[in-house]
Amino acid sequence: MSPFMKHHLFWPLCVLAALLLFNLCYSPDFFSITIHDGHLYGSLIDILNFGAPLILVAIGMTLVVATKGIDLSVGSIVAISGAIACLRISSGADQNSMGLILGSVLLAVLLSLVLGAWNGLLVSGAGIQPIIATLILMVAGRGIAQLITGGQIITVTSSNYAYIGSGSLAALPFSIFVVALVLMIALLLTRRTALGLFIESVGCNPAASSMSGIRAHWVILSVYVFCGVCAGIAGLLLSSNVSSADGNNAGLWYELDAILAVVIGGTSLNGGRFYLTGTVIGALIIQTLTTTIYMIGVPPEITLVVKAFVVLAVCLIQSDAFRAAIAARWKSRHYPAEKEMGRHVS
């Protein structure tokens, strides 16, 4: 196998290309992009725009997984962030006031930071297993979001707030620039400073990291805080895109899609080395798959089943052990003489 095929991005890129090619064959105008009122429109633009919240959540999840952790509460944080922002905006006299919009966005991000810190303290301070610590907020957070919204869908009429999720900058959706900024910050912090090495070290062996002088507790706390902030920003994108907040359905199952995106991108759930660019590609695969399922008219009741089977196939394709087993079986079937010769030689 060539070194190029061994690269961690090779198979995710192949899967993404295969999905795009299938869509092109099914719908010849899938790649067409049009310009209307200075804005770009098309299926590819929609994938980037609608996939932006998932990419943000997956970026934060990557760093958490790299420390051998998991965050099941990101979907609830998405719902809480959108709910608190829309509640504050809807209560204002002038919903287009920039002061009100900025204050609401800042409040939502700060609240998400606090929720991320709560998860981090439970994991790093109290020593609770990550899956249990974040499961607490996953369950309680969804209830908090519904308490904020009063069990109703909060609707806002602010065009300035809607710009965050549905506006355009340089003809591209503004959400793409938000994702690019967060990704750039994450890459700078983890690849241009020692933080990335600390995260990988803690994920490989927390005890050895602490003995070597790395403050593992602070590293773990920081990644959960960052993951919470990413989920909070994703909540702002989601709620502003539809100008409403739904505490029950906003961000539903995002935690699972984010984990899948991280795994597809090549980051191991056992912690250690992580790949942010791979995660972005994994999230794009998930979003492209979702778009494909809806485009070909798969019934809603079996959408999740189809999605699960495709994701399983993607993970198997990426598995070195699975590919080696398939290659060995194929060789034994097509070259039985070599197998028999090997027995005589032995």
Protein backbone atom coordinates (compact mmCIF):
# COMPACT_ATOMS: atom_id res chain seq x y z
CA MET A 1 0.00 0.00 0.00
CA SER A 2 1.35 3.39 -0.97
CA PRO A 3 2.17 5.98 1.74
CA PHE A 4 -0.53 8.22 0.31
CA MET A 5 -3.19 5.60 1.03
CA LYS A 6 -1.93 5.27 4.60
CA HIS A 7 -2.55 8.96 5.27
CA HIS A 8 -5.31 9.48 7.83
CA LEU A 9 -7.24 11.76 5.46
CA PHE A 10 -7.16 9.42 2.45
CA TRP A 11 -10.21 7.29 3.23
CA PRO A 12 -12.40 10.10 4.60
CA LEU A 13 -11.70 12.12 1.46
CA CYS A 14 -12.51 9.08 -0.70
CA VAL A 15 -15.83 8.60 1.09
CA LEU A 16 -16.70 12.29 0.77
CA ALA A 17 -15.81 12.22 -2.93
CA ALA A 18 -17.93 9.09 -3.42
CA LEU A 19 -20.94 10.74 -1.77
CA LEU A 20 -20.56 13.86 -3.90
CA LEU A 21 -20.18 11.74 -7.05
CA PHE A 22 -23.34 9.80 -6.20
CA ASN A 23 -25.25 13.05 -5.75
CA LEU A 24 -23.91 14.32 -9.07
CA CYS A 25 -25.08 11.15 -10.84
CA TYR A 26 -28.49 11.32 -9.15
CA SER A 27 -28.91 15.06 -9.73
CA PRO A 28 -26.76 16.49 -12.59
CA ASP A 29 -27.17 20.05 -11.30
CA PHE A 30 -25.91 19.13 -7.81
CA PHE A 31 -22.64 21.03 -8.33
CA SER A 32 -24.29 24.06 -9.92
CA ILE A 33 -23.84 27.32 -8.02
CA THR A 34 -25.81 30.44 -8.82
CA ILE A 35 -25.48 34.05 -7.73
CA HIS A 36 -28.56 35.97 -6.65
CA ASP A 37 -28.43 39.43 -5.07
CA GLY A 38 -24.71 38.94 -4.51
CA HIS A 39 -25.19 35.66 -2.62
CA LEU A 40 -24.08 32.19 -3.70
CA TYR A 41 -26.71 29.45 -3.77
CA GLY A 42 -26.42 25.74 -4.45
CA SER A 43 -26.31 22.31 -2.84
CA LEU A 44 -22.62 22.57 -2.00
CA ILE A 45 -23.19 25.94 -0.32
CA ASP A 46 -26.09 24.47 1.64
CA ILE A 47 -23.92 21.60 2.87
CA LEU A 48 -21.34 24.05 4.18
CA ASN A 49 -23.96 26.34 5.71
CA PHE A 50 -26.14 23.67 7.36
CA GLY A 51 -23.10 21.66 8.39
CA ALA A 52 -21.45 24.61 10.15
CA PRO A 53 -23.03 23.96 13.61
CA LEU A 54 -22.02 20.28 13.49
CA ILE A 55 -18.47 21.17 12.46
CA LEU A 56 -18.19 23.53 15.43
CA VAL A 57 -19.44 20.93 17.89
CA ALA A 58 -17.16 18.29 16.36
CA ILE A 59 -14.10 20.55 16.66
CA GLY A 60 -14.69 20.91 20.39
CA MET A 61 -15.46 17.20 20.72
CA THR A 62 -12.14 16.33 19.06
CA LEU A 63 -10.09 17.91 21.83
CA VAL A 64 -12.22 16.25 24.50
CA VAL A 65 -11.84 12.83 22.85
CA ALA A 66 -8.08 13.43 22.57
CA THR A 67 -7.92 13.48 26.38
CA LYS A 68 -9.71 10.11 26.43
CA GLY A 69 -12.96 11.83 27.38
CA ILE A 70 -16.39 12.29 25.87
CA ASP A 71 -19.00 15.05 26.04
CA LEU A 72 -22.60 13.89 25.71
CA SER A 73 -23.99 17.27 26.77
CA VAL A 74 -23.12 19.28 23.63
CA GLY A 75 -26.62 18.89 22.19
CA SER A 76 -28.16 20.26 25.37
CA ILE A 77 -25.69 23.16 25.44
CA VAL A 78 -26.67 23.95 21.84
CA ALA A 79 -30.31 24.13 22.93
CA ILE A 80 -29.57 26.23 26.04
CA SER A 81 -27.42 28.70 24.10
CA GLY A 82 -30.04 29.32 21.44
CA ALA A 83 -32.81 29.49 24.03
CA ILE A 84 -31.16 32.10 26.28
CA ALA A 85 -30.17 34.27 23.30
CA CYS A 86 -33.64 34.22 21.76
CA LEU A 87 -35.33 34.79 25.13
CA ARG A 88 -33.27 37.90 25.78
CA ILE A 89 -33.75 39.25 22.27
CA SER A 90 -37.51 38.62 22.29
CA SER A 91 -37.86 40.55 25.54
CA GLY A 92 -36.19 43.65 24.11
CA ALA A 93 -38.12 46.68 22.90
CA ASP A 94 -36.01 46.93 19.75
CA GLN A 95 -34.96 43.46 18.64
CA ASN A 96 -32.61 44.89 16.00
CA SER A 97 -30.60 46.85 18.55
CA MET A 98 -26.94 45.93 18.11
CA GLY A 99 -26.36 46.33 21.84
CA LEU A 100 -29.13 43.83 22.57
CA ILE A 101 -27.82 41.37 19.94
CA LEU A 102 -24.21 41.55 21.13
CA GLY A 103 -25.28 41.28 24.77
CA SER A 104 -27.43 38.22 24.01
CA VAL A 105 -24.65 36.54 22.04
CA LEU A 106 -22.12 37.24 24.78
CA LEU A 107 -24.51 35.93 27.45
CA ALA A 108 -25.09 32.72 25.50
CA VAL A 109 -21.36 32.15 24.98
CA LEU A 110 -20.56 32.87 28.64
CA LEU A 111 -23.29 30.49 29.80
CA SER A 112 -21.91 27.82 27.46
CA LEU A 113 -18.45 28.41 28.91
CA VAL A 114 -19.80 27.93 32.42
CA LEU A 115 -21.55 24.71 31.42
CA GLY A 116 -18.36 23.43 29.80
CA ALA A 117 -16.44 24.32 32.95
CA TRP A 118 -19.02 22.40 34.99
CA ASN A 119 -18.34 19.29 32.93
CA GLY A 120 -14.60 19.84 33.23
CA LEU A 121 -14.74 20.21 37.00
CA LEU A 122 -16.78 17.03 37.38
CA VAL A 123 -14.26 15.11 35.28
CA SER A 124 -10.97 16.64 36.38
CA GLY A 125 -11.86 17.76 39.89
CA ALA A 126 -14.41 15.25 41.16
CA GLY A 127 -12.93 12.36 39.20
CA ILE A 128 -16.27 11.31 37.70
CA GLN A 129 -16.05 9.31 34.49
CA PRO A 130 -16.59 11.61 31.48
CA ILE A 131 -19.54 9.66 30.09
CA ILE A 132 -21.37 9.94 33.43
CA ALA A 133 -20.36 13.53 34.16
CA THR A 134 -21.59 14.79 30.80
CA LEU A 135 -24.65 12.53 30.82
CA ILE A 136 -25.85 14.52 33.86
CA LEU A 137 -25.85 17.77 31.90
CA MET A 138 -27.18 16.03 28.80
CA VAL A 139 -30.35 15.10 30.69
CA ALA A 140 -30.64 18.16 32.92
CA GLY A 141 -29.57 20.59 30.19
CA ARG A 142 -32.43 19.63 27.90
CA GLY A 143 -34.80 20.33 30.77
CA ILE A 144 -33.10 23.67 31.47
CA ALA A 145 -33.53 24.66 27.82
CA GLN A 146 -37.24 23.87 27.99
CA LEU A 147 -37.57 25.83 31.23
CA ILE A 148 -35.94 28.84 29.53
CA THR A 149 -38.35 28.62 26.60
CA GLY A 150 -41.32 27.75 28.81
CA GLY A 151 -41.88 24.63 26.75
CA GLN A 152 -42.66 26.78 23.72
CA ILE A 153 -40.79 27.80 20.59
CA ILE A 154 -39.43 31.33 21.06
CA THR A 155 -39.56 33.33 17.84
CA VAL A 156 -37.55 36.48 17.21
CA THR A 157 -37.91 39.06 14.43
CA SER A 158 -34.39 40.45 14.48
CA SER A 159 -32.75 40.65 11.07
CA ASN A 160 -29.42 41.43 12.73
CA TYR A 161 -29.56 38.22 14.76
CA ALA A 162 -30.70 36.23 11.73
CA TYR A 163 -27.58 37.41 9.91
CA ILE A 164 -25.41 35.19 12.14
CA GLY A 165 -26.88 32.00 10.77
CA SER A 166 -28.35 33.01 7.43
CA GLY A 167 -26.44 36.12 6.39
CA SER A 168 -23.71 36.34 3.78
CA LEU A 169 -20.23 37.85 3.68
CA ALA A 170 -18.30 38.08 0.42
CA ALA A 171 -21.15 36.11 -1.23
CA LEU A 172 -20.58 33.16 1.15
CA PRO A 173 -22.68 32.23 4.20
CA PHE A 174 -21.46 34.05 7.30
CA SER A 175 -21.52 30.75 9.22
CA ILE A 176 -18.59 29.51 7.11
CA PHE A 177 -16.43 32.38 8.37
CA VAL A 178 -17.45 31.65 11.96
CA VAL A 179 -16.35 28.03 11.56
CA ALA A 180 -13.12 29.09 9.83
CA LEU A 181 -12.30 31.46 12.71
CA VAL A 182 -12.92 28.83 15.41
CA LEU A 183 -10.95 26.22 13.46
CA MET A 184 -8.05 28.63 12.98
CA ILE A 185 -7.99 29.42 16.71
CA ALA A 186 -8.06 25.71 17.57
CA LEU A 187 -5.26 24.94 15.12
CA LEU A 188 -3.11 27.82 16.37
CA LEU A 189 -3.55 26.82 20.00
CA THR A 190 -2.93 23.11 19.45
CA ARG A 191 -0.34 23.13 16.66
CA ARG A 192 1.59 26.34 17.29
CA THR A 193 1.82 26.05 21.07
CA ALA A 194 2.59 23.23 23.51
CA LEU A 195 -1.11 22.83 24.34
CA GLY A 196 -1.61 20.24 21.60
CA LEU A 197 1.22 18.10 22.97
CA PHE A 198 -0.19 18.44 26.49
CA ILE A 199 -3.62 17.28 25.29
CA GLU A 200 -2.17 14.26 23.50
CA SER A 201 0.05 13.44 26.48
CA VAL A 202 -2.88 13.56 28.90
CA GLY A 203 -4.91 11.37 26.54
CA CYS A 204 -2.14 8.78 26.32
CA ASN A 205 -1.22 8.64 30.01
CA PRO A 206 -2.62 11.19 32.52
CA ALA A 207 -0.54 9.86 35.42
CA ALA A 208 2.73 10.06 33.51
CA SER A 209 1.79 13.53 32.28
CA SER A 210 1.27 14.74 35.83
CA MET A 211 4.59 13.24 36.93
CA SER A 212 6.35 15.04 34.06
CA GLY A 213 5.01 18.41 35.23
CA ILE A 214 1.91 18.75 33.04
CA ARG A 215 -1.11 19.98 34.95
CA ALA A 216 -3.50 17.36 33.62
CA HIS A 217 -6.46 18.75 35.56
CA TRP A 218 -6.14 22.14 33.90
CA VAL A 219 -5.71 20.61 30.45
CA ILE A 220 -8.86 18.52 30.88
CA LEU A 221 -10.78 21.50 32.24
CA SER A 222 -9.69 23.68 29.30
CA VAL A 223 -10.82 21.21 26.62
CA TYR A 224 -14.27 20.85 28.18
CA VAL A 225 -14.58 24.63 28.41
CA PHE A 226 -13.60 24.97 24.75
CA CYS A 227 -16.06 22.24 23.78
CA GLY A 228 -18.83 24.04 25.65
CA VAL A 229 -18.04 27.33 23.90
CA CYS A 230 -18.07 25.60 20.49
CA ALA A 231 -21.47 24.08 21.28
CA GLY A 232 -22.74 27.48 22.42
CA ILE A 233 -21.67 29.15 19.17
CA ALA A 234 -23.30 26.30 17.25
CA GLY A 235 -26.52 26.99 19.16
CA LEU A 236 -26.37 30.62 18.07
CA LEU A 237 -25.94 29.58 14.43
CA LEU A 238 -28.85 27.15 14.61
CA SER A 239 -31.29 29.49 16.36
CA SER A 240 -30.38 32.53 14.26
CA ASN A 241 -30.76 30.54 11.04
CA VAL A 242 -34.43 29.85 11.81
CA SER A 243 -34.97 32.95 14.01
CA SER A 244 -36.32 30.80 16.81
CA ALA A 245 -35.32 28.57 19.71
CA ASP A 246 -36.71 25.10 20.37
CA GLY A 247 -35.54 23.76 23.71
CA ASN A 248 -36.77 20.26 22.91
CA ASN A 249 -35.39 19.63 19.42
CA ALA A 250 -32.49 22.06 18.93
CA GLY A 251 -29.20 20.16 18.83
CA LEU A 252 -30.95 16.81 19.23
CA TRP A 253 -28.49 13.90 18.63
CA TYR A 254 -25.69 16.37 17.86
CA GLU A 255 -23.48 14.62 20.37
CA LEU A 256 -23.70 11.38 18.40
CA ASP A 257 -23.06 13.02 15.03
CA ALA A 258 -20.11 14.90 16.50
CA ILE A 259 -18.57 11.70 17.91
CA LEU A 260 -19.04 10.00 14.53
CA ALA A 261 -17.38 12.94 12.77
CA VAL A 262 -14.41 12.73 15.13
CA VAL A 263 -14.01 8.97 14.61
CA ILE A 264 -14.43 9.22 10.83
CA GLY A 265 -11.78 11.95 10.84
CA GLY A 266 -9.23 9.52 12.28
CA THR A 267 -9.13 10.48 15.97
CA SER A 268 -9.20 7.45 18.25
CA LEU A 269 -11.65 7.25 21.15
CA ASN A 270 -8.74 5.86 23.20
CA GLY A 271 -7.26 9.35 23.34
CA GLY A 272 -3.91 10.68 22.24
CA ARG A 273 -3.24 11.97 18.73
CA PHE A 274 -6.06 13.99 17.16
CA TYR A 275 -6.82 15.45 13.73
CA LEU A 276 -8.90 18.61 13.51
CA THR A 277 -8.88 18.72 9.70
CA GLY A 278 -10.01 15.09 9.65
CA THR A 279 -12.87 16.00 11.98
CA VAL A 280 -14.02 18.76 9.62
CA ILE A 281 -14.05 16.27 6.74
CA GLY A 282 -15.93 13.78 8.92
CA ALA A 283 -18.57 16.40 9.74
CA LEU A 284 -18.91 17.23 6.04
CA ILE A 285 -19.42 13.53 5.33
CA ILE A 286 -22.21 13.40 7.93
CA GLN A 287 -23.89 16.51 6.50
CA THR A 288 -23.49 15.34 2.89
CA LEU A 289 -24.96 11.99 3.85
CA THR A 290 -27.93 13.73 5.49
CA THR A 291 -28.45 15.86 2.39
CA THR A 292 -28.22 12.77 0.17
CA ILE A 293 -30.77 10.85 2.22
CA TYR A 294 -33.29 13.66 2.01
CA MET A 295 -32.60 14.25 -1.69
CA ILE A 296 -33.25 10.67 -2.76
CA GLY A 297 -36.47 10.60 -0.77
CA VAL A 298 -35.67 8.08 1.95
CA PRO A 299 -38.70 7.83 4.29
CA PRO A 300 -38.12 9.77 7.53
CA GLU A 301 -38.80 6.74 9.71
CA ILE A 302 -35.79 4.84 8.34
CA THR A 303 -33.45 7.80 7.81
CA LEU A 304 -31.47 7.09 10.97
CA VAL A 305 -31.16 3.40 10.06
CA VAL A 306 -29.72 4.22 6.63
CA LYS A 307 -27.40 6.78 8.18
CA ALA A 308 -26.16 4.26 10.76
CA PHE A 309 -25.39 1.63 8.13
CA VAL A 310 -23.49 4.09 5.95
CA VAL A 311 -21.45 5.36 8.90
CA LEU A 312 -20.69 1.74 9.88
CA ALA A 313 -19.46 1.08 6.34
CA VAL A 314 -17.26 4.18 6.47
CA CYS A 315 -15.70 3.09 9.77
CA LEU A 316 -15.06 -0.41 8.43
CA ILE A 317 -13.39 1.00 5.32
CA GLN A 318 -11.08 3.03 7.55
CA SER A 319 -10.16 0.01 9.69
CA ASP A 320 -6.72 -1.40 8.80
CA ALA A 321 -7.61 -4.75 10.37
CA PHE A 322 -10.84 -5.02 8.36
CA ARG A 323 -9.14 -4.16 5.08
CA ALA A 324 -6.33 -6.66 5.82
CA ALA A 325 -8.89 -9.40 6.57
CA ILE A 326 -10.76 -8.71 3.33
CA ALA A 327 -7.51 -8.71 1.35
CA ALA A 328 -6.43 -12.01 2.93
CA ARG A 329 -9.78 -13.63 2.17
CA TRP A 330 -9.72 -12.41 -1.43
CA LYS A 331 -6.16 -13.69 -1.89
CA SER A 332 -6.99 -17.11 -0.44
CA ARG A 333 -9.92 -17.46 -2.84
CA HIS A 334 -8.14 -16.33 -5.98
CA TYR A 335 -4.71 -17.80 -5.30
CA PRO A 336 -5.34 -21.19 -3.65
CA ALA A 337 -2.19 -22.65 -5.23
CA GLU A 338 0.01 -20.23 -3.29
CA LYS A 339 -1.80 -21.21 -0.11
CA GLU A 340 -1.29 -24.92 -0.80
CA MET A 341 2.38 -24.33 -1.67
CA GLY A 342 2.86 -22.57 1.61
CA ARG A 343 1.52 -25.61 3.46
CA HIS A 344 3.97 -27.97 1.67
CA VAL A 345 6.89 -25.69 2.35
CA SER A 346 6.03 -25.55 6.04
